[in-house]
C-alpha atoms as a PDB file:
ATOM      1  CA  MET A   1      75.771 -63.312  82.020  1.00  0.00           C
ATOM      2  CA  HIS A   2      74.358 -60.202  80.383  1.00  0.00           C
ATOM      3  CA  ALA A   3      74.784 -61.057  76.685  1.00  0.00           C
ATOM      4  CA  ILE A   4      76.011 -63.930  74.536  1.00  0.00           C
ATOM      5  CA  ASN A   5      76.309 -64.435  70.795  1.00  0.00           C
ATOM      6  CA  VAL A   6      78.345 -66.572  68.439  1.00  0.00           C
ATOM      7  CA  ASP A   7      79.974 -65.859  65.124  1.00  0.00           C
ATOM      8  CA  ASN A   8      81.549 -68.322  62.696  1.00  0.00           C
ATOM      9  CA  ASP A   9      84.658 -68.933  64.752  1.00  0.00           C
ATOM     10  CA  HIS A  10      84.264 -67.200  68.094  1.00  0.00           C
ATOM     11  CA  VAL A  11      81.925 -66.444  70.968  1.00  0.00           C
ATOM     12  CA  HIS A  12      81.145 -63.067  72.496  1.00  0.00           C
ATOM     13  CA  LEU A  13      80.127 -62.933  76.157  1.00  0.00           C
ATOM     14  CA  GLN A  14      79.262 -60.050  78.401  1.00  0.00           C
ATOM     15  CA  ILE A  15      79.521 -61.296  81.951  1.00  0.00           C
ATOM     16  CA  GLU A  16      79.864 -59.753  85.358  1.00  0.00           C
ATOM     17  CA  ILE A  17      82.284 -61.300  87.820  1.00  0.00           C
ATOM     18  CA  PRO A  18      83.439 -60.174  91.245  1.00  0.00           C
ATOM     19  CA  PRO A  19      86.837 -58.450  91.312  1.00  0.00           C
ATOM     20  CA  SER A  20      88.118 -61.163  93.645  1.00  0.00           C
ATOM     21  CA  ILE A  21      87.922 -63.839  90.918  1.00  0.00           C
ATOM     22  CA  PRO A  22      90.633 -63.764  88.233  1.00  0.00           C
ATOM     23  CA  ILE A  23      89.329 -63.500  84.669  1.00  0.00           C
ATOM     24  CA  SER A  24      91.571 -66.378  83.597  1.00  0.00           C
ATOM     25  CA  ILE A  25      89.861 -68.711  86.102  1.00  0.00           C
ATOM     26  CA  VAL A  26      86.409 -67.740  84.799  1.00  0.00           C
ATOM     27  CA  VAL A  27      87.450 -68.252  81.161  1.00  0.00           C
ATOM     28  CA  LYS A  28      89.042 -71.605  81.992  1.00  0.00           C
ATOM     29  CA  SER A  29      85.892 -72.747  83.768  1.00  0.00           C
ATOM     30  CA  LEU A  30      83.630 -71.594  80.926  1.00  0.00           C
ATOM     31  CA  LYS A  31      85.752 -73.382  78.338  1.00  0.00           C
ATOM     32  CA  GLN A  32      86.037 -76.603  80.356  1.00  0.00           C
ATOM     33  CA  ASN A  33      82.365 -76.869  81.231  1.00  0.00           C
ATOM     34  CA  SER A  34      81.062 -75.890  77.798  1.00  0.00           C
ATOM     35  CA  SER A  35      83.469 -78.360  76.182  1.00  0.00           C
ATOM     36  CA  ILE A  36      82.166 -81.199  78.333  1.00  0.00           C
ATOM     37  CA  ILE A  37      78.542 -80.291  77.616  1.00  0.00           C
ATOM     38  CA  LEU A  38      79.097 -79.918  73.860  1.00  0.00           C
ATOM     39  CA  LYS A  39      80.968 -83.234  73.613  1.00  0.00           C
ATOM     40  CA  LYS A  40      78.167 -85.027  75.472  1.00  0.00           C
ATOM     41  CA  LYS A  41      75.426 -83.443  73.377  1.00  0.00           C
ATOM     42  CA  PHE A  42      77.152 -83.728  69.980  1.00  0.00           C
ATOM     43  CA  GLY A  43      79.092 -86.968  69.649  1.00  0.00           C
ATOM     44  CA  PHE A  44      80.767 -85.938  66.388  1.00  0.00           C
ATOM     45  CA  ILE A  45      82.670 -83.204  68.232  1.00  0.00           C
ATOM     46  CA  ARG A  46      84.660 -85.814  70.183  1.00  0.00           C
ATOM     47  CA  ASN A  47      85.963 -87.208  66.891  1.00  0.00           C
ATOM     48  CA  MET A  48      86.683 -83.866  65.222  1.00  0.00           C
ATOM     49  CA  TYR A  49      89.493 -82.747  67.498  1.00  0.00           C
ATOM     50  CA  ILE A  50      92.504 -85.030  67.833  1.00  0.00           C
ATOM     51  CA  ASP A  51      93.763 -83.510  71.078  1.00  0.00           C
ATOM     52  CA  GLY A  52      90.236 -83.125  72.480  1.00  0.00           C
ATOM     53  CA  ASN A  53      90.401 -79.344  72.780  1.00  0.00           C
ATOM     54  CA  ILE A  54      87.547 -77.556  71.064  1.00  0.00           C
ATOM     55  CA  TRP A  55      88.489 -74.058  72.246  1.00  0.00           C
ATOM     56  CA  SER A  56      91.604 -72.109  71.369  1.00  0.00           C
ATOM     57  CA  VAL A  57      94.088 -71.271  74.097  1.00  0.00           C
ATOM     58  CA  GLY A  58      93.634 -67.499  73.979  1.00  0.00           C
ATOM     59  CA  TYR A  59      90.894 -65.074  74.833  1.00  0.00           C
ATOM     60  CA  PHE A  60      90.259 -61.348  74.866  1.00  0.00           C
ATOM     61  CA  SER A  61      88.772 -59.499  77.793  1.00  0.00           C
ATOM     62  CA  SER A  62      87.978 -55.903  78.477  1.00  0.00           C
ATOM     63  CA  THR A  63      86.309 -53.970  81.221  1.00  0.00           C
ATOM     64  CA  ILE A  64      83.123 -52.067  80.552  1.00  0.00           C
ATOM     65  CA  GLY A  65      82.479 -48.646  81.942  1.00  0.00           C
ATOM     66  CA  LEU A  66      79.815 -46.238  80.866  1.00  0.00           C
ATOM     67  CA  ASN A  67      79.226 -47.927  77.497  1.00  0.00           C
ATOM     68  CA  GLU A  68      77.700 -51.144  78.869  1.00  0.00           C
ATOM     69  CA  LYS A  69      74.516 -50.876  76.760  1.00  0.00           C
ATOM     70  CA  GLN A  70      76.557 -50.222  73.615  1.00  0.00           C
ATOM     71  CA  ILE A  71      78.715 -53.301  74.230  1.00  0.00           C
ATOM     72  CA  LYS A  72      75.615 -55.450  74.847  1.00  0.00           C
ATOM     73  CA  LYS A  73      74.083 -54.234  71.574  1.00  0.00           C
ATOM     74  CA  TYR A  74      77.352 -54.985  69.730  1.00  0.00           C
ATOM     75  CA  ILE A  75      77.384 -58.536  71.091  1.00  0.00           C
ATOM     76  CA  GLU A  76      73.726 -59.147  70.283  1.00  0.00           C
ATOM     77  CA  ASN A  77      74.267 -58.017  66.680  1.00  0.00           C
ATOM     78  CA  GLN A  78      77.316 -60.194  65.979  1.00  0.00           C
ATOM     79  CA  GLY A  79      76.972 -62.134  62.756  1.00  0.00           C
ATOM     80  CA  LEU A  80      73.944 -60.196  61.526  1.00  0.00           C
ATOM     81  CA  CYS A  81      75.925 -58.307  58.902  1.00  0.00           C
ATOM     82  CA  ASP A  82      76.948 -61.646  57.362  1.00  0.00           C
ATOM     83  CA  LEU A  83      73.363 -62.815  56.815  1.00  0.00           C
ATOM     84  CA  PRO A  84      71.990 -62.626  53.283  1.00  0.00           C
ATOM     85  CA  ARG A  85      69.898 -59.544  52.789  1.00  0.00           C
ATOM     86  CA  LYS A  86      67.060 -58.852  50.423  1.00  0.00           C
ATOM     87  CA  PRO A  87      68.298 -56.280  47.911  1.00  0.00           C
ATOM     88  CA  ASN A  88      66.582 -52.932  48.045  1.00  0.00           C
ATOM     89  CA  PHE A  89      65.934 -51.668  44.518  1.00  0.00           C
ATOM     90  CA  GLU A  90      63.796 -48.722  45.526  1.00  0.00           C
ATOM     91  CA  PHE A  91      64.908 -45.370  44.217  1.00  0.00           C
ATOM     92  CA  SER A  92      64.125 -42.103  45.933  1.00  0.00           C
END
């Protein structure tokens, strides 16, 4: 895993997997294992979801070529634009 960040309703991951492993298998495993861990750690989560699924069915994936550093920076900065900022009242 090269980068991870969360936003209000989704998670961004930059991971490296061998070409022999299907992306869908990796996503399924990540969702299953993280769901189990989150439900154990936070009991209220078990009661929040009627069907027990905390993750949505879909996902987006893309390959990274030469812009790997740019993608990592994008992931690391997710949610920062939504944080309250101190207004800048300086005039040039």
